[in-house]
Amino acid sequence: MKALLGAAVLGMTLLAGTACGADAAKCEPASKAMMDTIAKGSKADDFTITSAMTLKSADHDGVYAVAAKTKNGSAAEKVGVWSTSNTSGEGAVYSVDKVANETTSFGNAAQVDGSVKSGDAVVSDVKACL
């Protein structure tokens, strides 16, 4: 009976890891330079990033999604996602979702071949890492 219970617990643990997104373990904190690059593209003077994570896209070679918790003054914190090929803060950055498009002046990733798109799995996965 103990062996059967142990096998059941092991099986549920493995399934839970899959259901919660195995890619979450591959997320890495965004560099300060990456967060500074996103902040420099802000449309508002009081825009800040409180935390950010990066995750390599499985759909696009050498491309990363960057999810960041952002704040504009006293407004509620929002999460935006950007696409980049260089997580060191150098290179092109594109706005992936509504929050990123509304708060920063980067080009829209939907119009750029090879960038992360709002419907890509990596978008929800990187958000889950925050």
Protein backbone atom coordinates (compact mmCIF):
# COMPACT_ATOMS: atom_id res chain seq x y z
CA MET A 1 0.00 0.00 0.00
CA LYS A 2 2.83 2.43 0.87
CA ALA A 3 4.50 1.68 -2.48
CA LEU A 4 1.26 2.40 -4.33
CA LEU A 5 0.74 5.64 -2.42
CA GLY A 6 4.35 6.68 -3.08
CA ALA A 7 3.93 6.01 -6.81
CA ALA A 8 0.70 8.04 -6.86
CA VAL A 9 2.35 11.00 -5.12
CA LEU A 10 5.31 10.85 -7.51
CA GLY A 11 2.97 10.77 -10.50
CA MET A 12 0.95 13.75 -9.25
CA THR A 13 4.16 15.69 -8.61
CA LEU A 14 5.37 15.09 -12.16
CA LEU A 15 2.00 16.07 -13.61
CA ALA A 16 1.86 19.21 -11.48
CA GLY A 17 5.28 20.26 -12.75
CA THR A 18 4.09 19.85 -16.32
CA ALA A 19 0.80 21.67 -15.76
CA CYS A 20 2.50 24.61 -14.06
CA GLY A 21 4.86 25.16 -16.99
CA ALA A 22 8.19 23.42 -17.03
CA ASP A 23 9.63 26.48 -18.80
CA ALA A 24 9.24 28.51 -15.60
CA ALA A 25 12.47 26.96 -14.34
CA LYS A 26 14.25 28.36 -17.39
CA CYS A 27 13.31 31.97 -16.63
CA GLU A 28 16.09 34.25 -15.53
CA PRO A 29 15.96 37.63 -13.86
CA ALA A 30 16.32 40.44 -16.37
CA SER A 31 19.57 42.36 -16.16
CA LYS A 32 19.52 45.91 -14.81
CA ALA A 33 20.63 47.05 -18.26
CA MET A 34 17.61 45.32 -19.86
CA MET A 35 15.23 46.94 -17.37
CA ASP A 36 16.91 50.32 -17.98
CA THR A 37 16.49 49.90 -21.75
CA ILE A 38 12.77 49.25 -21.37
CA ALA A 39 12.41 52.18 -18.95
CA LYS A 40 14.19 54.51 -21.40
CA GLY A 41 11.51 53.70 -23.97
CA SER A 42 8.76 54.84 -21.62
CA LYS A 43 6.15 57.35 -22.73
CA ALA A 44 5.83 58.73 -19.16
CA ASP A 45 8.34 60.42 -16.87
CA ASP A 46 7.21 58.50 -13.79
CA PHE A 47 7.50 55.02 -15.35
CA THR A 48 9.41 52.47 -13.28
CA ILE A 49 10.07 48.75 -13.46
CA THR A 50 9.84 46.93 -10.15
CA SER A 51 10.93 43.48 -11.40
CA ALA A 52 11.46 41.64 -14.68
CA MET A 53 12.17 38.13 -15.97
CA THR A 54 13.39 36.79 -19.32
CA LEU A 55 12.63 33.53 -21.11
CA LYS A 56 14.05 32.23 -24.38
CA SER A 57 11.42 31.59 -27.04
CA ALA A 58 11.02 28.04 -28.30
CA ASP A 59 9.41 29.39 -31.49
CA HIS A 60 12.07 31.91 -32.54
CA ASP A 61 15.84 31.26 -32.56
CA GLY A 62 17.82 33.62 -30.35
CA VAL A 63 14.77 35.62 -29.27
CA TYR A 64 13.63 36.27 -25.71
CA ALA A 65 10.45 37.48 -24.05
CA VAL A 66 10.90 39.94 -21.20
CA ALA A 67 8.03 40.33 -18.72
CA ALA A 68 8.21 43.30 -16.42
CA LYS A 69 6.10 44.64 -13.58
CA THR A 70 5.71 48.32 -14.36
CA LYS A 71 4.35 51.30 -12.51
CA ASN A 72 3.32 54.77 -13.69
CA GLY A 73 3.13 57.15 -10.74
CA SER A 74 0.32 56.18 -8.39
CA ALA A 75 -1.42 53.91 -10.92
CA ALA A 76 -1.75 50.20 -10.21
CA GLU A 77 1.15 47.96 -11.16
CA LYS A 78 0.84 46.32 -14.59
CA VAL A 79 2.76 43.55 -16.35
CA GLY A 80 4.04 44.13 -19.87
CA VAL A 81 5.98 41.90 -22.26
CA TRP A 82 8.70 42.89 -24.71
CA SER A 83 10.69 40.95 -27.32
CA THR A 84 14.46 41.19 -27.77
CA SER A 85 17.34 39.23 -29.22
CA ASN A 86 19.78 40.49 -26.60
CA THR A 87 18.93 40.35 -22.88
CA SER A 88 21.92 42.51 -21.97
CA GLY A 89 19.89 45.59 -22.89
CA GLU A 90 21.59 46.18 -26.23
CA GLY A 91 19.87 45.69 -29.54
CA ALA A 92 16.30 45.95 -30.73
CA VAL A 93 13.34 45.78 -28.34
CA TYR A 94 9.72 45.42 -29.44
CA SER A 95 6.46 45.78 -27.53
CA VAL A 96 4.55 42.49 -27.47
CA ASP A 97 1.34 43.10 -25.55
CA LYS A 98 -1.15 45.90 -24.86
CA VAL A 99 0.63 47.11 -21.71
CA ALA A 100 4.00 47.32 -23.48
CA ASN A 101 2.46 49.08 -26.50
CA GLU A 102 0.61 51.61 -24.32
CA THR A 103 3.48 52.43 -21.96
CA THR A 104 6.57 52.41 -24.20
CA SER A 105 7.47 53.75 -27.62
CA PHE A 106 9.11 50.60 -29.01
CA GLY A 107 7.88 49.18 -32.30
CA ASN A 108 5.02 46.70 -32.25
CA ALA A 109 6.36 43.12 -32.29
CA ALA A 110 3.30 42.00 -34.29
CA GLN A 111 4.79 43.83 -37.28
CA VAL A 112 8.30 42.35 -36.97
CA ASP A 113 9.24 38.97 -38.41
CA GLY A 114 11.08 36.73 -35.97
CA SER A 115 9.97 38.48 -32.79
CA VAL A 116 7.79 37.18 -29.98
CA LYS A 117 4.08 37.68 -30.70
CA SER A 118 1.33 38.18 -28.12
CA GLY A 119 -0.16 34.73 -28.78
CA ASP A 120 3.12 32.82 -28.37
CA ALA A 121 3.31 30.40 -25.43
CA VAL A 122 6.46 32.11 -24.17
CA VAL A 123 4.38 35.20 -23.27
CA SER A 124 2.22 33.43 -20.69
CA ASP A 125 5.21 31.37 -19.53
CA VAL A 126 7.41 34.39 -18.81
CA LYS A 127 4.54 36.19 -17.07
CA ALA A 128 4.12 33.16 -14.82
CA CYS A 129 7.75 33.60 -13.74
CA LEU A 130 7.04 36.96 -12.14
